[in-house]
N, C-alpha and C. Protein backbone atom coordinates (compact mmCIF):
# COMPACT_ATOMS: atom_id res chain seq x y z
N MET A 1 23.63 19.37 -12.38
CA MET A 1 22.91 18.25 -12.61
C MET A 1 22.96 17.58 -11.40
N GLY A 2 24.16 17.19 -10.54
CA GLY A 2 24.27 16.48 -9.64
C GLY A 2 23.63 16.84 -8.51
N GLN A 3 23.57 18.40 -8.44
CA GLN A 3 23.06 19.09 -7.25
C GLN A 3 21.62 18.95 -7.59
N PHE A 4 20.94 19.31 -8.81
CA PHE A 4 19.38 18.87 -8.99
C PHE A 4 18.87 17.40 -8.81
N PHE A 5 19.52 16.26 -8.80
CA PHE A 5 19.79 15.24 -8.46
C PHE A 5 19.05 15.04 -6.95
N LYS A 6 20.49 15.51 -6.01
CA LYS A 6 20.46 15.37 -4.99
C LYS A 6 19.07 16.19 -4.38
N ILE A 7 18.73 17.33 -4.74
CA ILE A 7 17.33 17.86 -4.38
C ILE A 7 16.40 17.12 -4.68
N CYS A 8 16.47 16.69 -5.88
CA CYS A 8 15.05 15.58 -6.15
C CYS A 8 15.07 14.21 -5.13
N ASN A 9 15.88 13.77 -4.73
CA ASN A 9 16.54 12.54 -4.28
C ASN A 9 15.86 12.59 -2.94
N LYS A 10 16.29 14.20 -2.34
CA LYS A 10 15.85 14.09 -1.12
C LYS A 10 14.34 14.15 -0.76
N GLN A 11 13.55 14.64 -1.91
CA GLN A 11 12.23 15.18 -1.83
C GLN A 11 11.48 13.56 -2.29
N ILE A 12 11.97 12.36 -2.31
CA ILE A 12 11.25 11.65 -2.75
C ILE A 12 11.70 10.22 -1.85
N MET A 13 10.39 9.93 -0.79
CA MET A 13 10.63 9.28 0.46
C MET A 13 9.52 8.21 0.19
N LYS A 14 10.38 6.93 0.50
CA LYS A 14 9.57 5.40 -0.30
C LYS A 14 9.31 5.05 1.29
N THR A 15 8.11 4.84 1.24
CA THR A 15 7.21 4.19 2.13
C THR A 15 7.14 3.02 2.37
N GLU A 16 7.35 1.71 2.79
CA GLU A 16 7.12 0.39 2.68
C GLU A 16 6.88 -0.20 3.88
N PHE A 17 5.76 -0.86 4.44
CA PHE A 17 5.58 -2.03 5.48
C PHE A 17 4.38 -2.75 5.44
N GLU A 18 4.36 -3.75 5.98
CA GLU A 18 3.07 -4.34 6.49
C GLU A 18 2.78 -4.05 7.31
N PHE A 19 1.06 -4.17 7.51
CA PHE A 19 0.48 -3.23 8.97
C PHE A 19 -1.12 -4.92 9.11
N ASN A 20 -0.88 -4.39 9.88
CA ASN A 20 -2.60 -5.19 10.66
C ASN A 20 -3.81 -4.62 10.07
N CYS A 21 -4.99 -5.78 9.65
CA CYS A 21 -5.67 -4.17 9.04
C CYS A 21 -7.38 -5.67 8.91
N VAL A 22 -8.19 -4.81 9.20
CA VAL A 22 -9.90 -5.76 8.93
C VAL A 22 -10.22 -5.40 7.86
N TYR A 23 -11.14 -5.92 7.22
CA TYR A 23 -11.96 -5.51 6.01
C TYR A 23 -13.69 -6.34 6.43
N GLY A 24 -14.49 -5.58 5.40
CA GLY A 24 -15.58 -6.47 5.72
C GLY A 24 -16.44 -6.00 6.54
N SER A 25 -17.44 -6.94 6.35
CA SER A 25 -18.82 -6.47 7.84
C SER A 25 -18.34 -7.01 8.87
N GLY A 26 -17.77 -8.16 8.53
CA GLY A 26 -17.28 -9.14 9.96
C GLY A 26 -16.30 -8.87 10.39
N HIS A 27 -15.26 -7.66 9.94
CA HIS A 27 -14.17 -7.12 10.36
C HIS A 27 -13.23 -8.49 10.29
N THR A 28 -12.83 -8.82 9.27
CA THR A 28 -12.28 -9.94 9.03
C THR A 28 -10.47 -9.29 9.51
N ARG A 29 -9.64 -10.00 9.97
CA ARG A 29 -8.39 -9.77 10.48
C ARG A 29 -7.49 -10.41 9.34
N ASP A 30 -6.63 -9.70 8.81
CA ASP A 30 -5.25 -10.05 7.84
C ASP A 30 -4.17 -9.16 7.67
N THR A 31 -3.93 -9.17 7.06
CA THR A 31 -2.45 -8.62 6.62
C THR A 31 -2.30 -7.60 5.98
N GLY A 32 -2.10 -6.33 5.28
CA GLY A 32 -1.82 -5.90 4.19
C GLY A 32 -0.26 -5.54 4.42
N TYR A 33 -0.63 -4.96 2.45
CA TYR A 33 0.88 -4.19 2.64
C TYR A 33 0.78 -3.00 1.80
N TYR A 34 1.72 -2.03 1.80
CA TYR A 34 1.31 -0.88 1.56
C TYR A 34 2.95 -0.23 0.84
N TYR A 35 3.01 0.36 -0.14
CA TYR A 35 3.83 0.95 -0.66
C TYR A 35 3.47 2.34 -0.93
N ASN A 36 3.95 3.42 -0.96
CA ASN A 36 4.21 4.49 -1.18
C ASN A 36 2.62 5.19 -1.82
N GLY A 37 1.70 4.91 -0.82
CA GLY A 37 0.07 5.16 -1.33
C GLY A 37 -0.23 4.09 -1.60
N TRP A 38 0.57 2.73 -2.02
CA TRP A 38 -0.59 1.97 -2.62
C TRP A 38 -0.73 0.92 -1.48
N TYR A 39 -1.80 0.02 -1.20
CA TYR A 39 -1.82 -0.76 -0.32
C TYR A 39 -2.95 -1.74 -0.98
N VAL A 40 -2.69 -3.06 -0.44
CA VAL A 40 -3.54 -4.62 -0.65
C VAL A 40 -3.69 -5.38 0.82
N VAL A 41 -4.77 -6.13 0.33
CA VAL A 41 -5.11 -6.84 1.38
C VAL A 41 -4.30 -8.45 0.90
N ASP A 42 -3.41 -8.77 2.09
CA ASP A 42 -2.69 -10.39 1.63
C ASP A 42 -4.23 -11.18 1.23
N GLY A 43 -3.33 -11.83 -0.58
CA GLY A 43 -4.17 -12.65 -1.21
C GLY A 43 -5.26 -11.98 -2.17
N SER A 44 -5.38 -10.81 -2.31
CA SER A 44 -6.14 -9.51 -3.45
C SER A 44 -5.38 -9.42 -4.63
N ILE A 45 -6.11 -9.29 -5.54
CA ILE A 45 -5.82 -8.73 -6.37
C ILE A 45 -6.24 -6.84 -6.74
N ASN A 46 -6.74 -6.58 -6.00
CA ASN A 46 -7.20 -5.36 -5.55
C ASN A 46 -6.25 -4.26 -4.93
N VAL A 47 -5.94 -3.49 -5.88
CA VAL A 47 -4.54 -2.75 -5.15
C VAL A 47 -5.25 -1.30 -5.38
N ASN A 48 -5.28 -0.93 -4.09
CA ASN A 48 -5.63 1.00 -4.19
C ASN A 48 -4.70 1.55 -3.58
N TYR A 49 -5.00 2.87 -4.21
CA TYR A 49 -4.33 4.12 -3.56
C TYR A 49 -4.94 5.27 -2.31
N THR A 50 -4.42 5.47 -1.33
CA THR A 50 -4.81 6.25 -0.48
C THR A 50 -3.97 7.74 -0.05
N ASN A 51 -4.38 8.73 -0.02
CA ASN A 51 -3.35 9.59 0.88
C ASN A 51 -3.43 9.37 2.40
N ASP A 52 -4.59 8.53 2.79
CA ASP A 52 -5.16 8.56 4.19
C ASP A 52 -4.18 7.71 4.93
N PRO A 53 -3.89 8.14 6.18
CA PRO A 53 -2.41 7.45 7.10
C PRO A 53 -3.03 6.08 7.36
N ILE A 54 -2.26 4.97 7.25
CA ILE A 54 -2.19 4.14 7.55
C ILE A 54 -1.35 3.70 8.88
N ASP A 55 -1.86 2.80 10.04
CA ASP A 55 -1.42 2.79 11.26
C ASP A 55 -0.62 1.46 11.15
N LYS A 56 0.89 1.69 11.08
CA LYS A 56 1.62 0.42 10.90
C LYS A 56 2.15 -0.40 11.91
N ASP A 57 1.36 0.36 13.17
CA ASP A 57 1.43 -0.47 14.63
C ASP A 57 0.51 -0.95 14.94
N GLY A 58 -0.87 -0.28 14.60
CA GLY A 58 -2.34 -0.80 15.10
C GLY A 58 -3.11 -1.52 14.15
N ILE A 59 -4.06 -1.22 14.18
CA ILE A 59 -4.93 -1.92 12.62
C ILE A 59 -5.87 -1.07 12.06
N THR A 60 -5.84 -1.57 10.86
CA THR A 60 -6.52 -0.13 10.27
C THR A 60 -7.45 -0.97 9.10
N ASP A 61 -8.88 -0.43 9.54
CA ASP A 61 -9.82 -0.77 8.95
C ASP A 61 -9.85 -0.41 7.39
N VAL A 62 -9.60 -1.10 6.61
CA VAL A 62 -9.04 -0.83 5.15
C VAL A 62 -10.93 -0.09 4.47
N GLU A 63 -11.83 -0.54 4.71
CA GLU A 63 -13.17 -0.23 4.59
C GLU A 63 -13.38 0.93 4.46
N GLU A 64 -12.69 1.85 5.63
CA GLU A 64 -12.98 3.16 6.25
C GLU A 64 -11.69 4.25 5.59
N LEU A 65 -10.75 3.66 4.56
CA LEU A 65 -10.05 4.53 3.88
C LEU A 65 -10.64 5.17 2.70
N SER A 66 -10.16 6.32 2.45
CA SER A 66 -10.68 6.89 0.88
C SER A 66 -9.63 6.78 -0.19
N ASP A 67 -10.61 5.98 -1.36
CA ASP A 67 -9.22 5.56 -2.47
C ASP A 67 -9.08 6.54 -3.33
N SER A 68 -8.20 6.96 -3.99
CA SER A 68 -8.16 7.90 -4.84
C SER A 68 -7.45 7.41 -6.55
N ASP A 69 -7.47 6.28 -6.56
CA ASP A 69 -6.97 5.52 -7.89
C ASP A 69 -7.14 3.88 -7.26
N THR A 70 -7.37 2.87 -8.29
CA THR A 70 -7.00 1.63 -8.13
C THR A 70 -6.59 1.00 -9.54
N PHE A 71 -6.28 -0.50 -9.18
CA PHE A 71 -5.49 -1.16 -10.20
C PHE A 71 -6.16 -2.64 -10.02
N THR A 72 -6.31 -3.21 -10.95
CA THR A 72 -6.24 -4.85 -10.59
C THR A 72 -4.85 -5.31 -10.77
N ALA A 73 -4.24 -6.32 -10.36
CA ALA A 73 -3.21 -7.11 -10.03
C ALA A 73 -3.34 -8.09 -10.98
N ARG A 74 -2.54 -8.77 -11.89
CA ARG A 74 -2.12 -9.80 -12.64
C ARG A 74 -2.54 -11.05 -11.80
N LYS A 75 -1.93 -11.17 -10.37
CA LYS A 75 -2.74 -12.25 -9.83
C LYS A 75 -2.66 -11.95 -8.35
N PRO A 76 -3.03 -12.47 -7.34
CA PRO A 76 -3.20 -12.45 -6.08
C PRO A 76 -1.74 -11.75 -5.46
N ILE A 77 -1.40 -11.24 -4.68
CA ILE A 77 -0.44 -10.29 -3.94
C ILE A 77 -0.36 -11.18 -2.39
N TYR A 78 0.43 -11.47 -2.37
CA TYR A 78 0.86 -12.08 -0.98
C TYR A 78 2.15 -11.76 -0.46
N SER A 79 3.13 -10.58 -0.67
CA SER A 79 4.30 -10.48 0.16
C SER A 79 4.12 -8.78 -0.37
N LEU A 80 4.77 -8.22 0.46
CA LEU A 80 5.48 -6.47 -0.14
C LEU A 80 6.32 -6.34 -1.16
N GLU A 81 7.05 -7.33 -0.99
CA GLU A 81 7.67 -7.50 -2.39
C GLU A 81 6.83 -7.52 -4.00
N GLU A 82 5.74 -8.60 -3.69
CA GLU A 82 4.97 -8.36 -4.60
C GLU A 82 3.82 -7.44 -5.28
N LEU A 83 3.63 -6.79 -3.89
CA LEU A 83 3.23 -5.40 -4.36
C LEU A 83 3.85 -4.59 -5.01
N ILE A 84 5.38 -3.49 -4.45
CA ILE A 84 6.14 -3.56 -5.20
C ILE A 84 6.61 -3.50 -6.86
N TYR A 85 6.32 -5.26 -6.73
CA TYR A 85 6.59 -5.17 -8.53
C TYR A 85 5.61 -5.22 -9.19
N GLN A 86 4.41 -5.02 -8.55
CA GLN A 86 2.61 -4.75 -9.41
C GLN A 86 2.84 -3.59 -9.48
N VAL A 87 3.15 -2.49 -8.68
CA VAL A 87 3.01 -1.11 -8.65
C VAL A 87 4.18 -0.36 -9.76
N ASN A 88 5.65 -1.19 -9.82
CA ASN A 88 6.11 -0.51 -10.45
C ASN A 88 6.44 -1.00 -12.03
N ASN A 89 5.49 -2.17 -12.46
CA ASN A 89 5.30 -2.71 -13.58
C ASN A 89 4.37 -2.70 -13.84
């Protein structure tokens, strides 16, 4: 059982970071939060899932990301910690 856990544990890679982004026709600059494929723009309740790469060091146009899932958060998200909480609960 322990070996199985170790094997599974190695396969699980959690990725979380803040990134610079733009959205909308005016390319409004903002901060985005990313957690294991889920992302949200600061202050939004619209949480999206993508398999597209997000450049944590550059600027990502979130309008160009292909979303494969989405949900509405209970309240606006203003931090990476809040995104993680919303995804896990």
